[in-house]
Amino acid sequence: LPLPGGFGMRRALTAMDRLASRLPPSGND
């Protein structure tokens, strides 16, 4: 669902935080 401004950004950042927690703790930036 499209979310305006800050709400959309918050959803995206939360998803990327969850991605970071699932990625193996190794590799390159």
PDB file of all heavy atoms in Angstrom:
ATOM      1  N   LEU A   1       0.847  -1.190   0.000  1.00  0.00           N
ATOM      2  CA  LEU A   1       0.000   0.000   0.000  1.00  0.00           C
ATOM      3  C   LEU A   1       0.882   1.239   0.000  1.00  0.00           C
ATOM      4  O   LEU A   1       1.861   1.306   0.744  1.00  0.00           O
ATOM      5  CB  LEU A   1      -0.886   0.023   1.242  1.00  0.00           C
ATOM      6  CG  LEU A   1      -1.948  -1.073   1.329  1.00  0.00           C
ATOM      7  CD1 LEU A   1      -2.627  -1.025   2.694  1.00  0.00           C
ATOM      8  CD2 LEU A   1      -2.964  -0.912   0.219  1.00  0.00           C
ATOM      9  N   PRO A   2       0.558   2.224  -0.821  1.00  0.00           N
ATOM     10  CA  PRO A   2       1.356   3.452  -0.809  1.00  0.00           C
ATOM     11  C   PRO A   2       1.142   4.204   0.496  1.00  0.00           C
ATOM     12  O   PRO A   2       0.014   4.316   0.977  1.00  0.00           O
ATOM     13  CB  PRO A   2       0.821   4.239  -2.011  1.00  0.00           C
ATOM     14  CG  PRO A   2      -0.500   3.642  -2.340  1.00  0.00           C
ATOM     15  CD  PRO A   2      -0.521   2.253  -1.807  1.00  0.00           C
ATOM     16  N   LEU A   3       2.231   4.643   1.069  1.00  0.00           N
ATOM     17  CA  LEU A   3       2.173   5.426   2.302  1.00  0.00           C
ATOM     18  C   LEU A   3       2.846   6.765   2.047  1.00  0.00           C
ATOM     19  O   LEU A   3       3.874   6.831   1.382  1.00  0.00           O
ATOM     20  CB  LEU A   3       2.903   4.700   3.438  1.00  0.00           C
ATOM     21  CG  LEU A   3       2.317   3.369   3.893  1.00  0.00           C
ATOM     22  CD1 LEU A   3       3.224   2.736   4.943  1.00  0.00           C
ATOM     23  CD2 LEU A   3       0.922   3.565   4.447  1.00  0.00           C
ATOM     24  N   PRO A   4       2.288   7.840   2.586  1.00  0.00           N
ATOM     25  CA  PRO A   4       2.882   9.156   2.353  1.00  0.00           C
ATOM     26  C   PRO A   4       4.181   9.352   3.127  1.00  0.00           C
ATOM     27  O   PRO A   4       4.339   8.831   4.226  1.00  0.00           O
ATOM     28  CB  PRO A   4       1.802  10.120   2.834  1.00  0.00           C
ATOM     29  CG  PRO A   4       1.020   9.341   3.833  1.00  0.00           C
ATOM     30  CD  PRO A   4       1.073   7.900   3.381  1.00  0.00           C
ATOM     31  N   GLY A   5       5.087  10.101   2.513  1.00  0.00           N
ATOM     32  CA  GLY A   5       6.319  10.594   3.108  1.00  0.00           C
ATOM     33  C   GLY A   5       6.938   9.775   4.213  1.00  0.00           C
ATOM     34  O   GLY A   5       7.465   8.701   3.999  1.00  0.00           O
ATOM     35  N   GLY A   6       6.882  10.310   5.425  1.00  0.00           N
ATOM     36  CA  GLY A   6       7.540   9.696   6.572  1.00  0.00           C
ATOM     37  C   GLY A   6       7.046   8.302   6.895  1.00  0.00           C
ATOM     38  O   GLY A   6       7.810   7.461   7.373  1.00  0.00           O
ATOM     39  N   PHE A   7       5.768   8.019   6.644  1.00  0.00           N
ATOM     40  CA  PHE A   7       5.236   6.682   6.919  1.00  0.00           C
ATOM     41  C   PHE A   7       5.862   5.660   5.964  1.00  0.00           C
ATOM     42  O   PHE A   7       6.225   4.559   6.365  1.00  0.00           O
ATOM     43  CB  PHE A   7       3.712   6.662   6.792  1.00  0.00           C
ATOM     44  CG  PHE A   7       3.024   7.515   7.807  1.00  0.00           C
ATOM     45  CD1 PHE A   7       2.425   8.707   7.430  1.00  0.00           C
ATOM     46  CD2 PHE A   7       2.978   7.143   9.143  1.00  0.00           C
ATOM     47  CE1 PHE A   7       1.794   9.512   8.364  1.00  0.00           C
ATOM     48  CE2 PHE A   7       2.347   7.938  10.086  1.00  0.00           C
ATOM     49  CZ  PHE A   7       1.753   9.134   9.699  1.00  0.00           C
ATOM     50  N   GLY A   8       5.971   6.018   4.704  1.00  0.00           N
ATOM     51  CA  GLY A   8       6.611   5.136   3.732  1.00  0.00           C
ATOM     52  C   GLY A   8       8.077   4.930   4.041  1.00  0.00           C
ATOM     53  O   GLY A   8       8.601   3.820   3.950  1.00  0.00           O
ATOM     54  N   MET A   9       8.744   6.005   4.419  1.00  0.00           N
ATOM     55  CA  MET A   9      10.161   5.911   4.775  1.00  0.00           C
ATOM     56  C   MET A   9      10.348   5.011   5.985  1.00  0.00           C
ATOM     57  O   MET A   9      11.255   4.181   6.006  1.00  0.00           O
ATOM     58  CB  MET A   9      10.700   7.320   5.055  1.00  0.00           C
ATOM     59  CG  MET A   9      12.161   7.350   5.395  1.00  0.00           C
ATOM     60  SD  MET A   9      13.149   6.998   3.949  1.00  0.00           S
ATOM     61  CE  MET A   9      14.717   7.571   4.505  1.00  0.00           C
ATOM     62  N   ARG A  10       9.485   5.141   6.982  1.00  0.00           N
ATOM     63  CA  ARG A  10       9.588   4.305   8.189  1.00  0.00           C
ATOM     64  C   ARG A  10       9.411   2.833   7.825  1.00  0.00           C
ATOM     65  O   ARG A  10      10.146   1.978   8.303  1.00  0.00           O
ATOM     66  CB  ARG A  10       8.534   4.748   9.213  1.00  0.00           C
ATOM     67  CG  ARG A  10       8.441   3.921  10.461  1.00  0.00           C
ATOM     68  CD  ARG A  10       9.679   3.759  11.322  1.00  0.00           C
ATOM     69  NE  ARG A  10      10.560   4.873  11.397  1.00  0.00           N
ATOM     70  CZ  ARG A  10      11.892   4.783  11.540  1.00  0.00           C
ATOM     71  NH1 ARG A  10      12.472   3.605  11.619  1.00  0.00           N
ATOM     72  NH2 ARG A  10      12.639   5.836  11.604  1.00  0.00           N
ATOM     73  N   ARG A  11       8.425   2.510   6.962  1.00  0.00           N
ATOM     74  CA  ARG A  11       8.221   1.114   6.555  1.00  0.00           C
ATOM     75  C   ARG A  11       9.463   0.586   5.828  1.00  0.00           C
ATOM     76  O   ARG A  11       9.910  -0.535   6.088  1.00  0.00           O
ATOM     77  CB  ARG A  11       6.987   0.992   5.668  1.00  0.00           C
ATOM     78  CG  ARG A  11       6.741  -0.445   5.203  1.00  0.00           C
ATOM     79  CD  ARG A  11       5.476  -0.616   4.408  1.00  0.00           C
ATOM     80  NE  ARG A  11       5.524   0.163   3.166  1.00  0.00           N
ATOM     81  CZ  ARG A  11       4.461   0.415   2.416  1.00  0.00           C
ATOM     82  NH1 ARG A  11       3.264  -0.030   2.760  1.00  0.00           N
ATOM     83  NH2 ARG A  11       4.567   1.115   1.308  1.00  0.00           N
ATOM     84  N   ALA A  12      10.022   1.392   4.938  1.00  0.00           N
ATOM     85  CA  ALA A  12      11.208   0.970   4.188  1.00  0.00           C
ATOM     86  C   ALA A  12      12.402   0.754   5.114  1.00  0.00           C
ATOM     87  O   ALA A  12      13.125  -0.246   4.991  1.00  0.00           O
ATOM     88  CB  ALA A  12      11.543   1.998   3.114  1.00  0.00           C
ATOM     89  N   LEU A  13      12.611   1.668   6.053  1.00  0.00           N
ATOM     90  CA  LEU A  13      13.740   1.528   6.977  1.00  0.00           C
ATOM     91  C   LEU A  13      13.575   0.317   7.888  1.00  0.00           C
ATOM     92  O   LEU A  13      14.536  -0.378   8.189  1.00  0.00           O
ATOM     93  CB  LEU A  13      13.911   2.801   7.800  1.00  0.00           C
ATOM     94  CG  LEU A  13      14.379   4.028   7.019  1.00  0.00           C
ATOM     95  CD1 LEU A  13      14.425   5.250   7.928  1.00  0.00           C
ATOM     96  CD2 LEU A  13      15.713   3.787   6.354  1.00  0.00           C
ATOM     97  N   THR A  14      12.342   0.071   8.315  1.00  0.00           N
ATOM     98  CA  THR A  14      12.081  -1.115   9.140  1.00  0.00           C
ATOM     99  C   THR A  14      12.392  -2.381   8.354  1.00  0.00           C
ATOM    100  O   THR A  14      13.011  -3.313   8.878  1.00  0.00           O
ATOM    101  CB  THR A  14      10.617  -1.122   9.627  1.00  0.00           C
ATOM    102  OG1 THR A  14      10.397   0.051  10.421  1.00  0.00           O
ATOM    103  CG2 THR A  14      10.298  -2.356  10.438  1.00  0.00           C
ATOM    104  N   ALA A  15      11.977  -2.428   7.094  1.00  0.00           N
ATOM    105  CA  ALA A  15      12.258  -3.592   6.247  1.00  0.00           C
ATOM    106  C   ALA A  15      13.769  -3.770   6.063  1.00  0.00           C
ATOM    107  O   ALA A  15      14.278  -4.895   6.130  1.00  0.00           O
ATOM    108  CB  ALA A  15      11.565  -3.449   4.898  1.00  0.00           C
ATOM    109  N   MET A  16      14.478  -2.676   5.862  1.00  0.00           N
ATOM    110  CA  MET A  16      15.933  -2.798   5.676  1.00  0.00           C
ATOM    111  C   MET A  16      16.642  -3.186   6.967  1.00  0.00           C
ATOM    112  O   MET A  16      17.631  -3.921   6.939  1.00  0.00           O
ATOM    113  CB  MET A  16      16.495  -1.522   5.069  1.00  0.00           C
ATOM    114  CG  MET A  16      16.118  -1.411   3.596  1.00  0.00           C
ATOM    115  SD  MET A  16      16.943  -0.100   2.716  1.00  0.00           S
ATOM    116  CE  MET A  16      16.060   1.324   3.348  1.00  0.00           C
ATOM    117  N   ASP A  17      16.130  -2.745   8.115  1.00  0.00           N
ATOM    118  CA  ASP A  17      16.675  -3.189   9.399  1.00  0.00           C
ATOM    119  C   ASP A  17      16.476  -4.695   9.556  1.00  0.00           C
ATOM    120  O   ASP A  17      17.370  -5.411  10.013  1.00  0.00           O
ATOM    121  CB  ASP A  17      16.015  -2.461  10.566  1.00  0.00           C
ATOM    122  CG  ASP A  17      16.547  -1.058  10.767  1.00  0.00           C
ATOM    123  OD1 ASP A  17      17.664  -0.759  10.315  1.00  0.00           O
ATOM    124  OD2 ASP A  17      15.817  -0.244  11.383  1.00  0.00           O
ATOM    125  N   ARG A  18      15.298  -5.174   9.172  1.00  0.00           N
ATOM    126  CA  ARG A  18      15.024  -6.618   9.241  1.00  0.00           C
ATOM    127  C   ARG A  18      15.918  -7.383   8.281  1.00  0.00           C
ATOM    128  O   ARG A  18      16.398  -8.474   8.600  1.00  0.00           O
ATOM    129  CB  ARG A  18      13.552  -6.884   8.957  1.00  0.00           C
ATOM    130  CG  ARG A  18      12.633  -6.387  10.084  1.00  0.00           C
ATOM    131  CD  ARG A  18      11.179  -6.628   9.804  1.00  0.00           C
ATOM    132  NE  ARG A  18      10.900  -8.035   9.569  1.00  0.00           N
ATOM    133  CZ  ARG A  18       9.926  -8.467   8.776  1.00  0.00           C
ATOM    134  NH1 ARG A  18       9.133  -7.617   8.159  1.00  0.00           N
ATOM    135  NH2 ARG A  18       9.737  -9.754   8.602  1.00  0.00           N
ATOM    136  N   LEU A  19      16.158  -6.819   7.096  1.00  0.00           N
ATOM    137  CA  LEU A  19      17.081  -7.432   6.148  1.00  0.00           C
ATOM    138  C   LEU A  19      18.469  -7.533   6.772  1.00  0.00           C
ATOM    139  O   LEU A  19      19.103  -8.587   6.715  1.00  0.00           O
ATOM    140  CB  LEU A  19      17.143  -6.603   4.859  1.00  0.00           C
ATOM    141  CG  LEU A  19      18.305  -6.898   3.910  1.00  0.00           C
ATOM    142  CD1 LEU A  19      18.224  -8.318   3.368  1.00  0.00           C
ATOM    143  CD2 LEU A  19      18.343  -5.885   2.776  1.00  0.00           C
ATOM    144  N   ALA A  20      18.948  -6.456   7.369  1.00  0.00           N
ATOM    145  CA  ALA A  20      20.279  -6.448   7.980  1.00  0.00           C
ATOM    146  C   ALA A  20      20.402  -7.522   9.059  1.00  0.00           C
ATOM    147  O   ALA A  20      21.460  -8.149   9.195  1.00  0.00           O
ATOM    148  CB  ALA A  20      20.580  -5.070   8.564  1.00  0.00           C
ATOM    149  N   SER A  21      19.321  -7.758   9.800  1.00  0.00           N
ATOM    150  CA  SER A  21      19.377  -8.774  10.858  1.00  0.00           C
ATOM    151  C   SER A  21      19.390 -10.192  10.292  1.00  0.00           C
ATOM    152  O   SER A  21      19.830 -11.117  10.965  1.00  0.00           O
ATOM    153  CB  SER A  21      18.215  -8.601  11.834  1.00  0.00           C
ATOM    154  OG  SER A  21      16.988  -8.962  11.229  1.00  0.00           O
ATOM    155  N   ARG A  22      18.921 -10.366   9.048  1.00  0.00           N
ATOM    156  CA  ARG A  22      18.904 -11.697   8.435  1.00  0.00           C
ATOM    157  C   ARG A  22      20.160 -12.008   7.632  1.00  0.00           C
ATOM    158  O   ARG A  22      20.486 -13.174   7.422  1.00  0.00           O
ATOM    159  CB  ARG A  22      17.686 -11.838   7.522  1.00  0.00           C
ATOM    160  CG  ARG A  22      16.390 -11.956   8.320  1.00  0.00           C
ATOM    161  CD  ARG A  22      15.213 -12.179   7.448  1.00  0.00           C
ATOM    162  NE  ARG A  22      15.166 -13.520   6.904  1.00  0.00           N
ATOM    163  CZ  ARG A  22      14.052 -14.095   6.465  1.00  0.00           C
ATOM    164  NH1 ARG A  22      12.910 -13.438   6.526  1.00  0.00           N
ATOM    165  NH2 ARG A  22      14.069 -15.298   5.959  1.00  0.00           N
ATOM    166  N   LEU A  23      20.854 -10.974   7.165  1.00  0.00           N
ATOM    167  CA  LEU A  23      22.061 -11.210   6.374  1.00  0.00           C
ATOM    168  C   LEU A  23      23.149 -11.817   7.245  1.00  0.00           C
ATOM    169  O   LEU A  23      23.283 -11.465   8.419  1.00  0.00           O
ATOM    170  CB  LEU A  23      22.570  -9.897   5.773  1.00  0.00           C
ATOM    171  CG  LEU A  23      21.755  -9.312   4.636  1.00  0.00           C
ATOM    172  CD1 LEU A  23      22.269  -7.904   4.288  1.00  0.00           C
ATOM    173  CD2 LEU A  23      21.798 -10.208   3.412  1.00  0.00           C
ATOM    174  N   PRO A  24      23.946 -12.714   6.667  1.00  0.00           N
ATOM    175  CA  PRO A  24      25.047 -13.281   7.454  1.00  0.00           C
ATOM    176  C   PRO A  24      26.023 -12.171   7.875  1.00  0.00           C
ATOM    177  O   PRO A  24      26.238 -11.224   7.123  1.00  0.00           O
ATOM    178  CB  PRO A  24      25.722 -14.259   6.489  1.00  0.00           C
ATOM    179  CG  PRO A  24      25.012 -14.186   5.202  1.00  0.00           C
ATOM    180  CD  PRO A  24      23.885 -13.231   5.308  1.00  0.00           C
ATOM    181  N   PRO A  25      26.586 -12.302   9.070  1.00  0.00           N
ATOM    182  CA  PRO A  25      27.494 -11.253   9.568  1.00  0.00           C
ATOM    183  C   PRO A  25      28.890 -11.371   8.969  1.00  0.00           C
ATOM    184  O   PRO A  25      29.893 -11.415   9.682  1.00  0.00           O
ATOM    185  CB  PRO A  25      27.492 -11.482  11.082  1.00  0.00           C
ATOM    186  CG  PRO A  25      27.249 -12.941  11.219  1.00  0.00           C
ATOM    187  CD  PRO A  25      26.346 -13.330  10.076  1.00  0.00           C
ATOM    188  N   SER A  26      28.944 -11.454   7.669  1.00  0.00           N
ATOM    189  CA  SER A  26      30.223 -11.528   6.963  1.00  0.00           C
ATOM    190  C   SER A  26      30.017 -10.969   5.565  1.00  0.00           C
ATOM    191  O   SER A  26      28.893 -10.801   5.105  1.00  0.00           O
ATOM    192  CB  SER A  26      30.703 -12.974   6.877  1.00  0.00           C
ATOM    193  OG  SER A  26      29.765 -13.748   6.156  1.00  0.00           O
ATOM    194  N   GLY A  27      31.105 -10.681   4.904  1.00  0.00           N
ATOM    195  CA  GLY A  27      31.019 -10.166   3.548  1.00  0.00           C
ATOM    196  C   GLY A  27      31.474  -8.728   3.457  1.00  0.00           C
ATOM    197  O   GLY A  27      31.983  -8.141   4.417  1.00  0.00           O
ATOM    198  N   ASN A  28      31.286  -8.171   2.278  1.00  0.00           N
ATOM    199  CA  ASN A  28      31.734  -6.805   2.004  1.00  0.00           C
ATOM    200  C   ASN A  28      30.579  -5.818   2.103  1.00  0.00           C
ATOM    201  O   ASN A  28      29.424  -6.171   1.900  1.00  0.00           O
ATOM    202  CB  ASN A  28      32.340  -6.736   0.605  1.00  0.00           C
ATOM    203  CG  ASN A  28      33.561  -7.633   0.479  1.00  0.00           C
ATOM    204  OD1 ASN A  28      34.407  -7.656   1.360  1.00  0.00           O
ATOM    205  ND2 ASN A  28      33.642  -8.370  -0.604  1.00  0.00           N
ATOM    206  N   ASP A  29      30.915  -4.583   2.377  1.00  0.00           N
ATOM    207  CA  ASP A  29      29.922  -3.506   2.403  1.00  0.00           C
ATOM    208  C   ASP A  29      29.290  -3.382   1.024  1.00  0.00           C
ATOM    209  O   ASP A  29      29.908  -3.703   0.009  1.00  0.00           O
ATOM    210  CB  ASP A  29      30.581  -2.179   2.768  1.00  0.00           C
ATOM    211  CG  ASP A  29      31.214  -2.189   4.149  1.00  0.00           C
ATOM    212  OD1 ASP A  29      30.969  -3.138   4.919  1.00  0.00           O
ATOM    213  OD2 ASP A  29      31.951  -1.247   4.451  1.00  0.00           O
TER     214      ASP A  29
END
